[in-house]
Full PDB file with SEQRES, HELIX, SHEET, SSBOND, CRYST1, ORIGX, SCALE, CONECT and MASTER records, all heavy atoms in Angstrom:
SEQRES   1 A   34  MET GLY TRP PHE ARG GLN ALA PRO GLY LYS GLU ARG GLU          
SEQRES   2 A   34  PHE VAL ALA GLY ILE SER ARG THR GLY GLY THR THR HIS          
SEQRES   3 A   34  TYR ALA ASP SER VAL LYS GLY ARG                              
SHEET    1 AA1 3 GLY A   2  ARG A   5  0                                        
SHEET    2 AA1 3 GLU A  13  ILE A  18 -1                                        
SHEET    3 AA1 3 THR A  25  TYR A  27 -1                                        
CRYST1    1.000    1.000    1.000  90.00  90.00  90.00 P 1           1          
ORIGX1      1.000000  0.000000  0.000000        0.00000                         
ORIGX2      0.000000  1.000000  0.000000        0.00000                         
ORIGX3      0.000000  0.000000  1.000000        0.00000                         
SCALE1      1.000000  0.000000  0.000000        0.00000                         
SCALE2      0.000000  1.000000  0.000000        0.00000                         
SCALE3      0.000000  0.000000  1.000000        0.00000                         
ATOM      1  N   MET A   1       0.837  -1.197   0.000  1.00  0.00           N  
ATOM      2  CA  MET A   1       0.000   0.000   0.000  1.00  0.00           C  
ATOM      3  C   MET A   1       0.872   1.247   0.000  1.00  0.00           C  
ATOM      4  O   MET A   1       2.024   1.225   0.465  1.00  0.00           O  
ATOM      5  CB  MET A   1      -0.911   0.013   1.234  1.00  0.00           C  
ATOM      6  CG  MET A   1      -1.831  -1.190   1.356  1.00  0.00           C  
ATOM      7  SD  MET A   1      -3.033  -1.305   0.012  1.00  0.00           S  
ATOM      8  CE  MET A   1      -4.030   0.160   0.324  1.00  0.00           C  
ATOM      9  N   GLY A   2       0.295   2.315  -0.513  1.00  0.00           N  
ATOM     10  CA  GLY A   2       1.070   3.544  -0.561  1.00  0.00           C  
ATOM     11  C   GLY A   2       0.195   4.776  -0.513  1.00  0.00           C  
ATOM     12  O   GLY A   2      -1.018   4.701  -0.703  1.00  0.00           O  
ATOM     13  N   TRP A   3       0.832   5.890  -0.239  1.00  0.00           N  
ATOM     14  CA  TRP A   3       0.200   7.206  -0.280  1.00  0.00           C  
ATOM     15  C   TRP A   3       0.979   8.085  -1.258  1.00  0.00           C  
ATOM     16  O   TRP A   3       2.215   8.123  -1.220  1.00  0.00           O  
ATOM     17  CB  TRP A   3       0.196   7.864   1.096  1.00  0.00           C  
ATOM     18  CG  TRP A   3      -0.764   7.271   2.071  1.00  0.00           C  
ATOM     19  CD1 TRP A   3      -0.515   6.318   3.013  1.00  0.00           C  
ATOM     20  CD2 TRP A   3      -2.151   7.614   2.209  1.00  0.00           C  
ATOM     21  NE1 TRP A   3      -1.651   6.023   3.721  1.00  0.00           N  
ATOM     22  CE2 TRP A   3      -2.677   6.814   3.250  1.00  0.00           C  
ATOM     23  CE3 TRP A   3      -3.010   8.506   1.558  1.00  0.00           C  
ATOM     24  CZ2 TRP A   3      -4.004   6.882   3.665  1.00  0.00           C  
ATOM     25  CZ3 TRP A   3      -4.329   8.576   1.968  1.00  0.00           C  
ATOM     26  CH2 TRP A   3      -4.821   7.778   3.011  1.00  0.00           C  
ATOM     27  N   PHE A   4       0.231   8.771  -2.085  1.00  0.00           N  
ATOM     28  CA  PHE A   4       0.774   9.760  -2.994  1.00  0.00           C  
ATOM     29  C   PHE A   4       0.070  11.081  -2.739  1.00  0.00           C  
ATOM     30  O   PHE A   4      -0.976  11.125  -2.080  1.00  0.00           O  
ATOM     31  CB  PHE A   4       0.543   9.334  -4.448  1.00  0.00           C  
ATOM     32  CG  PHE A   4       1.448   8.238  -4.930  1.00  0.00           C  
ATOM     33  CD1 PHE A   4       1.316   6.945  -4.444  1.00  0.00           C  
ATOM     34  CD2 PHE A   4       2.422   8.483  -5.875  1.00  0.00           C  
ATOM     35  CE1 PHE A   4       2.142   5.919  -4.884  1.00  0.00           C  
ATOM     36  CE2 PHE A   4       3.258   7.474  -6.325  1.00  0.00           C  
ATOM     37  CZ  PHE A   4       3.116   6.193  -5.826  1.00  0.00           C  
ATOM     38  N   ARG A   5       0.629  12.150  -3.273  1.00  0.00           N  
ATOM     39  CA  ARG A   5      -0.037  13.439  -3.182  1.00  0.00           C  
ATOM     40  C   ARG A   5       0.191  14.219  -4.457  1.00  0.00           C  
ATOM     41  O   ARG A   5       1.158  14.012  -5.173  1.00  0.00           O  
ATOM     42  CB  ARG A   5       0.448  14.232  -1.972  1.00  0.00           C  
ATOM     43  CG  ARG A   5       1.902  14.692  -2.043  1.00  0.00           C  
ATOM     44  CD  ARG A   5       2.302  15.351  -0.729  1.00  0.00           C  
ATOM     45  NE  ARG A   5       3.684  15.831  -0.759  1.00  0.00           N  
ATOM     46  CZ  ARG A   5       4.317  16.334   0.307  1.00  0.00           C  
ATOM     47  NH1 ARG A   5       3.692  16.416   1.484  1.00  0.00           N  
ATOM     48  NH2 ARG A   5       5.557  16.735   0.210  1.00  0.00           N  
ATOM     49  N   GLN A   6      -0.758  15.125  -4.707  1.00  0.00           N  
ATOM     50  CA  GLN A   6      -0.664  15.978  -5.886  1.00  0.00           C  
ATOM     51  C   GLN A   6      -1.095  17.385  -5.520  1.00  0.00           C  
ATOM     52  O   GLN A   6      -2.249  17.600  -5.137  1.00  0.00           O  
ATOM     53  CB  GLN A   6      -1.522  15.431  -7.026  1.00  0.00           C  
ATOM     54  CG  GLN A   6      -1.328  16.157  -8.337  1.00  0.00           C  
ATOM     55  CD  GLN A   6      -1.942  15.413  -9.501  1.00  0.00           C  
ATOM     56  OE1 GLN A   6      -2.759  14.516  -9.337  1.00  0.00           O  
ATOM     57  NE2 GLN A   6      -1.536  15.759 -10.705  1.00  0.00           N  
ATOM     58  N   ALA A   7      -0.155  18.301  -5.631  1.00  0.00           N  
ATOM     59  CA  ALA A   7      -0.443  19.705  -5.378  1.00  0.00           C  
ATOM     60  C   ALA A   7      -0.899  20.356  -6.683  1.00  0.00           C  
ATOM     61  O   ALA A   7      -0.579  19.866  -7.774  1.00  0.00           O  
ATOM     62  CB  ALA A   7       0.800  20.404  -4.840  1.00  0.00           C  
ATOM     63  N   PRO A   8      -1.631  21.466  -6.592  1.00  0.00           N  
ATOM     64  CA  PRO A   8      -2.104  22.143  -7.813  1.00  0.00           C  
ATOM     65  C   PRO A   8      -0.952  22.481  -8.748  1.00  0.00           C  
ATOM     66  O   PRO A   8       0.058  23.044  -8.338  1.00  0.00           O  
ATOM     67  CB  PRO A   8      -2.766  23.412  -7.262  1.00  0.00           C  
ATOM     68  CG  PRO A   8      -3.183  23.044  -5.887  1.00  0.00           C  
ATOM     69  CD  PRO A   8      -2.132  22.111  -5.373  1.00  0.00           C  
ATOM     70  N   GLY A   9      -1.101  22.079 -10.007  1.00  0.00           N  
ATOM     71  CA  GLY A   9      -0.090  22.391 -11.000  1.00  0.00           C  
ATOM     72  C   GLY A   9       1.140  21.514 -10.958  1.00  0.00           C  
ATOM     73  O   GLY A   9       2.096  21.753 -11.703  1.00  0.00           O  
ATOM     74  N   LYS A  10       1.123  20.496 -10.110  1.00  0.00           N  
ATOM     75  CA  LYS A  10       2.293  19.627  -9.986  1.00  0.00           C  
ATOM     76  C   LYS A  10       1.912  18.186 -10.276  1.00  0.00           C  
ATOM     77  O   LYS A  10       0.742  17.815 -10.257  1.00  0.00           O  
ATOM     78  CB  LYS A  10       2.903  19.741  -8.586  1.00  0.00           C  
ATOM     79  CG  LYS A  10       3.487  21.103  -8.276  1.00  0.00           C  
ATOM     80  CD  LYS A  10       4.239  21.086  -6.970  1.00  0.00           C  
ATOM     81  CE  LYS A  10       4.908  22.427  -6.696  1.00  0.00           C  
ATOM     82  NZ  LYS A  10       5.674  22.422  -5.426  1.00  0.00           N  
ATOM     83  N   GLU A  11       2.917  17.374 -10.520  1.00  0.00           N  
ATOM     84  CA  GLU A  11       2.677  15.958 -10.761  1.00  0.00           C  
ATOM     85  C   GLU A  11       2.424  15.218  -9.450  1.00  0.00           C  
ATOM     86  O   GLU A  11       2.845  15.658  -8.383  1.00  0.00           O  
ATOM     87  CB  GLU A  11       3.887  15.336 -11.481  1.00  0.00           C  
ATOM     88  CG  GLU A  11       4.089  15.845 -12.900  1.00  0.00           C  
ATOM     89  CD  GLU A  11       5.179  15.097 -13.626  1.00  0.00           C  
ATOM     90  OE1 GLU A  11       5.899  14.309 -12.983  1.00  0.00           O  
ATOM     91  OE2 GLU A  11       5.328  15.307 -14.840  1.00  0.00           O  
ATOM     92  N   ARG A  12       1.756  14.093  -9.581  1.00  0.00           N  
ATOM     93  CA  ARG A  12       1.527  13.265  -8.406  1.00  0.00           C  
ATOM     94  C   ARG A  12       2.863  12.683  -7.955  1.00  0.00           C  
ATOM     95  O   ARG A  12       3.642  12.184  -8.770  1.00  0.00           O  
ATOM     96  CB  ARG A  12       0.539  12.141  -8.732  1.00  0.00           C  
ATOM     97  CG  ARG A  12      -0.013  11.428  -7.532  1.00  0.00           C  
ATOM     98  CD  ARG A  12      -1.171  10.505  -7.895  1.00  0.00           C  
ATOM     99  NE  ARG A  12      -2.304  11.245  -8.434  1.00  0.00           N  
ATOM    100  CZ  ARG A  12      -3.512  10.706  -8.620  1.00  0.00           C  
ATOM    101  NH1 ARG A  12      -3.709   9.428  -8.320  1.00  0.00           N  
ATOM    102  NH2 ARG A  12      -4.481  11.419  -9.123  1.00  0.00           N  
ATOM    103  N   GLU A  13       3.100  12.739  -6.642  1.00  0.00           N  
ATOM    104  CA  GLU A  13       4.380  12.262  -6.122  1.00  0.00           C  
ATOM    105  C   GLU A  13       4.192  11.255  -5.000  1.00  0.00           C  
ATOM    106  O   GLU A  13       3.213  11.326  -4.241  1.00  0.00           O  
ATOM    107  CB  GLU A  13       5.232  13.433  -5.620  1.00  0.00           C  
ATOM    108  CG  GLU A  13       4.650  14.187  -4.439  1.00  0.00           C  
ATOM    109  CD  GLU A  13       5.587  15.249  -3.892  1.00  0.00           C  
ATOM    110  OE1 GLU A  13       6.714  15.411  -4.398  1.00  0.00           O  
ATOM    111  OE2 GLU A  13       5.182  15.924  -2.916  1.00  0.00           O  
ATOM    112  N   PHE A  14       5.149  10.354  -4.915  1.00  0.00           N  
ATOM    113  CA  PHE A  14       5.149   9.356  -3.860  1.00  0.00           C  
ATOM    114  C   PHE A  14       5.399  10.015  -2.510  1.00  0.00           C  
ATOM    115  O   PHE A  14       6.264  10.880  -2.372  1.00  0.00           O  
ATOM    116  CB  PHE A  14       6.246   8.320  -4.142  1.00  0.00           C  
ATOM    117  CG  PHE A  14       6.488   7.335  -3.044  1.00  0.00           C  
ATOM    118  CD1 PHE A  14       5.649   6.248  -2.878  1.00  0.00           C  
ATOM    119  CD2 PHE A  14       7.554   7.491  -2.173  1.00  0.00           C  
ATOM    120  CE1 PHE A  14       5.875   5.334  -1.871  1.00  0.00           C  
ATOM    121  CE2 PHE A  14       7.792   6.590  -1.166  1.00  0.00           C  
ATOM    122  CZ  PHE A  14       6.945   5.508  -1.009  1.00  0.00           C  
ATOM    123  N   VAL A  15       4.644   9.579  -1.498  1.00  0.00           N  
ATOM    124  CA  VAL A  15       4.808  10.088  -0.143  1.00  0.00           C  
ATOM    125  C   VAL A  15       5.348   9.003   0.785  1.00  0.00           C  
ATOM    126  O   VAL A  15       6.357   9.186   1.457  1.00  0.00           O  
ATOM    127  CB  VAL A  15       3.483  10.631   0.416  1.00  0.00           C  
ATOM    128  CG1 VAL A  15       3.640  11.041   1.884  1.00  0.00           C  
ATOM    129  CG2 VAL A  15       2.990  11.812  -0.414  1.00  0.00           C  
ATOM    130  N   ALA A  16       4.643   7.863   0.805  1.00  0.00           N  
ATOM    131  CA  ALA A  16       5.042   6.784   1.714  1.00  0.00           C  
ATOM    132  C   ALA A  16       4.489   5.466   1.205  1.00  0.00           C  
ATOM    133  O   ALA A  16       3.439   5.436   0.561  1.00  0.00           O  
ATOM    134  CB  ALA A  16       4.523   7.054   3.125  1.00  0.00           C  
ATOM    135  N   GLY A  17       5.187   4.384   1.513  1.00  0.00           N  
ATOM    136  CA  GLY A  17       4.723   3.069   1.126  1.00  0.00           C  
ATOM    137  C   GLY A  17       4.983   2.062   2.227  1.00  0.00           C  
ATOM    138  O   GLY A  17       5.865   2.261   3.081  1.00  0.00           O  
ATOM    139  N   ILE A  18       4.210   0.995   2.214  1.00  0.00           N  
ATOM    140  CA  ILE A  18       4.341  -0.031   3.235  1.00  0.00           C  
ATOM    141  C   ILE A  18       4.174  -1.399   2.588  1.00  0.00           C  
ATOM    142  O   ILE A  18       3.392  -1.572   1.657  1.00  0.00           O  
ATOM    143  CB  ILE A  18       3.299   0.192   4.367  1.00  0.00           C  
ATOM    144  CG1 ILE A  18       3.570  -0.715   5.561  1.00  0.00           C  
ATOM    145  CG2 ILE A  18       1.870   0.041   3.852  1.00  0.00           C  
ATOM    146  CD1 ILE A  18       2.805  -0.294   6.815  1.00  0.00           C  
ATOM    147  N   SER A  19       4.947  -2.352   3.082  1.00  0.00           N  
ATOM    148  CA  SER A  19       4.919  -3.696   2.514  1.00  0.00           C  
ATOM    149  C   SER A  19       3.649  -4.443   2.909  1.00  0.00           C  
ATOM    150  O   SER A  19       2.859  -3.981   3.732  1.00  0.00           O  
ATOM    151  CB  SER A  19       6.148  -4.475   2.997  1.00  0.00           C  
ATOM    152  OG  SER A  19       6.126  -4.594   4.421  1.00  0.00           O  
ATOM    153  N   ARG A  20       3.482  -5.613   2.333  1.00  0.00           N  
ATOM    154  CA  ARG A  20       2.285  -6.410   2.587  1.00  0.00           C  
ATOM    155  C   ARG A  20       2.106  -6.737   4.062  1.00  0.00           C  
ATOM    156  O   ARG A  20       0.998  -6.722   4.586  1.00  0.00           O  
ATOM    157  CB  ARG A  20       2.365  -7.708   1.805  1.00  0.00           C  
ATOM    158  CG  ARG A  20       2.291  -7.550   0.319  1.00  0.00           C  
ATOM    159  CD  ARG A  20       2.669  -8.840  -0.374  1.00  0.00           C  
ATOM    160  NE  ARG A  20       2.520  -8.749  -1.808  1.00  0.00           N  
ATOM    161  CZ  ARG A  20       3.071  -9.618  -2.647  1.00  0.00           C  
ATOM    162  NH1 ARG A  20       3.802 -10.621  -2.196  1.00  0.00           N  
ATOM    163  NH2 ARG A  20       2.894  -9.481  -3.946  1.00  0.00           N  
ATOM    164  N   THR A  21       3.187  -7.011   4.725  1.00  0.00           N  
ATOM    165  CA  THR A  21       3.103  -7.395   6.134  1.00  0.00           C  
ATOM    166  C   THR A  21       3.147  -6.200   7.071  1.00  0.00           C  
ATOM    167  O   THR A  21       2.855  -6.335   8.257  1.00  0.00           O  
ATOM    168  CB  THR A  21       4.272  -8.317   6.503  1.00  0.00           C  
ATOM    169  OG1 THR A  21       5.490  -7.575   6.362  1.00  0.00           O  
ATOM    170  CG2 THR A  21       4.304  -9.546   5.620  1.00  0.00           C  
ATOM    171  N   GLY A  22       3.527  -5.051   6.539  1.00  0.00           N  
ATOM    172  CA  GLY A  22       3.688  -3.871   7.377  1.00  0.00           C  
ATOM    173  C   GLY A  22       5.065  -3.757   8.002  1.00  0.00           C  
ATOM    174  O   GLY A  22       5.343  -2.789   8.705  1.00  0.00           O  
ATOM    175  N   GLY A  23       5.913  -4.710   7.722  1.00  0.00           N  
ATOM    176  CA  GLY A  23       7.210  -4.724   8.356  1.00  0.00           C  
ATOM    177  C   GLY A  23       8.239  -3.796   7.740  1.00  0.00           C  
ATOM    178  O   GLY A  23       9.267  -3.500   8.355  1.00  0.00           O  
ATOM    179  N   THR A  24       7.957  -3.329   6.531  1.00  0.00           N  
ATOM    180  CA  THR A  24       8.898  -2.439   5.835  1.00  0.00           C  
ATOM    181  C   THR A  24       8.153  -1.221   5.325  1.00  0.00           C  
ATOM    182  O   THR A  24       7.066  -1.340   4.763  1.00  0.00           O  
ATOM    183  CB  THR A  24       9.556  -3.163   4.658  1.00  0.00           C  
ATOM    184  OG1 THR A  24      10.215  -4.340   5.133  1.00  0.00           O  
ATOM    185  CG2 THR A  24      10.574  -2.261   3.973  1.00  0.00           C  
ATOM    186  N   THR A  25       8.744  -0.059   5.541  1.00  0.00           N  
ATOM    187  CA  THR A  25       8.161   1.194   5.073  1.00  0.00           C  
ATOM    188  C   THR A  25       9.224   2.000   4.344  1.00  0.00           C  
ATOM    189  O   THR A  25      10.431   1.775   4.503  1.00  0.00           O  
ATOM    190  CB  THR A  25       7.610   2.029   6.228  1.00  0.00           C  
ATOM    191  OG1 THR A  25       8.667   2.275   7.178  1.00  0.00           O  
ATOM    192  CG2 THR A  25       6.472   1.307   6.943  1.00  0.00           C  
ATOM    193  N   HIS A  26       8.742   2.935   3.544  1.00  0.00           N  
ATOM    194  CA  HIS A  26       9.647   3.819   2.816  1.00  0.00           C  
ATOM    195  C   HIS A  26       8.973   5.175   2.668  1.00  0.00           C  
ATOM    196  O   HIS A  26       7.756   5.234   2.463  1.00  0.00           O  
ATOM    197  CB  HIS A  26       9.977   3.241   1.439  1.00  0.00           C  
ATOM    198  CG  HIS A  26      11.015   4.009   0.708  1.00  0.00           C  
ATOM    199  ND1 HIS A  26      12.359   3.907   0.979  1.00  0.00           N  
ATOM    200  CD2 HIS A  26      10.905   4.929  -0.296  1.00  0.00           C  
ATOM    201  CE1 HIS A  26      13.041   4.710   0.174  1.00  0.00           C  
ATOM    202  NE2 HIS A  26      12.176   5.342  -0.602  1.00  0.00           N  
ATOM    203  N   TYR A  27       9.768   6.239   2.786  1.00  0.00           N  
ATOM    204  CA  TYR A  27       9.215   7.592   2.757  1.00  0.00           C  
ATOM    205  C   TYR A  27       9.973   8.470   1.768  1.00  0.00           C  
ATOM    206  O   TYR A  27      11.182   8.307   1.557  1.00  0.00           O  
ATOM    207  CB  TYR A  27       9.309   8.226   4.141  1.00  0.00           C  
ATOM    208  CG  TYR A  27       8.536   7.486   5.198  1.00  0.00           C  
ATOM    209  CD1 TYR A  27       9.139   6.497   5.967  1.00  0.00           C  
ATOM    210  CD2 TYR A  27       7.189   7.775   5.424  1.00  0.00           C  
ATOM    211  CE1 TYR A  27       8.429   5.808   6.926  1.00  0.00           C  
ATOM    212  CE2 TYR A  27       6.466   7.088   6.385  1.00  0.00           C  
ATOM    213  CZ  TYR A  27       7.088   6.107   7.129  1.00  0.00           C  
ATOM    214  OH  TYR A  27       6.372   5.427   8.084  1.00  0.00           O  
ATOM    215  N   ALA A  28       9.253   9.415   1.231  1.00  0.00           N  
ATOM    216  CA  ALA A  28       9.913  10.469   0.465  1.00  0.00           C  
ATOM    217  C   ALA A  28      10.750  11.304   1.427  1.00  0.00           C  
ATOM    218  O   ALA A  28      10.385  11.476   2.595  1.00  0.00           O  
ATOM    219  CB  ALA A  28       8.876  11.347  -0.221  1.00  0.00           C  
ATOM    220  N   ASP A  29      11.853  11.821   0.938  1.00  0.00           N  
ATOM    221  CA  ASP A  29      12.736  12.609   1.806  1.00  0.00           C  
ATOM    222  C   ASP A  29      12.009  13.806   2.418  1.00  0.00           C  
ATOM    223  O   ASP A  29      12.300  14.208   3.548  1.00  0.00           O  
ATOM    224  CB  ASP A  29      13.946  13.096   1.006  1.00  0.00           C  
ATOM    225  CG  ASP A  29      14.921  11.981   0.685  1.00  0.00           C  
ATOM    226  OD1 ASP A  29      14.856  10.916   1.336  1.00  0.00           O  
ATOM    227  OD2 ASP A  29      15.749  12.168  -0.228  1.00  0.00           O  
ATOM    228  N   SER A  30      11.062  14.359   1.692  1.00  0.00           N  
ATOM    229  CA  SER A  30      10.368  15.572   2.146  1.00  0.00           C  
ATOM    230  C   SER A  30       9.485  15.330   3.364  1.00  0.00           C  
ATOM    231  O   SER A  30       9.110  16.288   4.052  1.00  0.00           O  
ATOM    232  CB  SER A  30       9.530  16.156   1.001  1.00  0.00           C  
ATOM    233  OG  SER A  30       8.598  15.196   0.536  1.00  0.00           O  
ATOM    234  N   VAL A  31       9.138  14.077   3.630  1.00  0.00           N  
ATOM    235  CA  VAL A  31       8.239  13.802   4.757  1.00  0.00           C  
ATOM    236  C   VAL A  31       8.885  12.913   5.815  1.00  0.00           C  
ATOM    237  O   VAL A  31       8.294  12.670   6.871  1.00  0.00           O  
ATOM    238  CB  VAL A  31       6.926  13.147   4.278  1.00  0.00           C  
ATOM    239  CG1 VAL A  31       6.275  13.988   3.201  1.00  0.00           C  
ATOM    240  CG2 VAL A  31       7.152  11.713   3.804  1.00  0.00           C  
ATOM    241  N   LYS A  32      10.093  12.451   5.547  1.00  0.00           N  
ATOM    242  CA  LYS A  32      10.767  11.536   6.472  1.00  0.00           C  
ATOM    243  C   LYS A  32      10.920  12.193   7.835  1.00  0.00           C  
ATOM    244  O   LYS A  32      11.327  13.352   7.937  1.00  0.00           O  
ATOM    245  CB  LYS A  32      12.132  11.162   5.893  1.00  0.00           C  
ATOM    246  CG  LYS A  32      12.720   9.869   6.420  1.00  0.00           C  
ATOM    247  CD  LYS A  32      13.950   9.484   5.620  1.00  0.00           C  
ATOM    248  CE  LYS A  32      13.594   9.106   4.193  1.00  0.00           C  
ATOM    249  NZ  LYS A  32      14.786   8.640   3.432  1.00  0.00           N  
ATOM    250  N   GLY A  33      10.562  11.452   8.885  1.00  0.00           N  
ATOM    251  CA  GLY A  33      10.644  11.967  10.240  1.00  0.00           C  
ATOM    252  C   GLY A  33       9.400  12.700  10.694  1.00  0.00           C  
ATOM    253  O   GLY A  33       9.247  12.997  11.883  1.00  0.00           O  
ATOM    254  N   ARG A  34       8.505  13.021   9.753  1.00  0.00           N  
ATOM    255  CA  ARG A  34       7.266  13.731  10.108  1.00  0.00           C  
ATOM    256  C   ARG A  34       6.024  12.872   9.866  1.00  0.00           C  
ATOM    257  O   ARG A  34       5.042  12.993  10.587  1.00  0.00           O  
ATOM    258  CB  ARG A  34       7.146  15.019   9.286  1.00  0.00           C  
ATOM    259  CG  ARG A  34       8.276  15.996   9.505  1.00  0.00           C  
ATOM    260  CD  ARG A  34       7.987  17.329   8.801  1.00  0.00           C  
ATOM    261  NE  ARG A  34       7.888  17.185   7.351  1.00  0.00           N  
ATOM    262  CZ  ARG A  34       6.807  17.551   6.643  1.00  0.00           C  
ATOM    263  NH1 ARG A  34       5.755  18.057   7.245  1.00  0.00           N  
ATOM    264  NH2 ARG A  34       6.800  17.405   5.324  1.00  0.00           N  
TER     265      ARG A  34                                                      
MASTER        0    0    0    0    3    0    0    6  264    1    0    3          
END                                                                             
């Protein structure tokens, strides 16, 4: 599963993703830690 976002006038971008089991996650640098 994943989350993306799209701001006005911009392309859709990856925000965060999670594996099937939930054991692994990955974040865009812009949101990491938040």
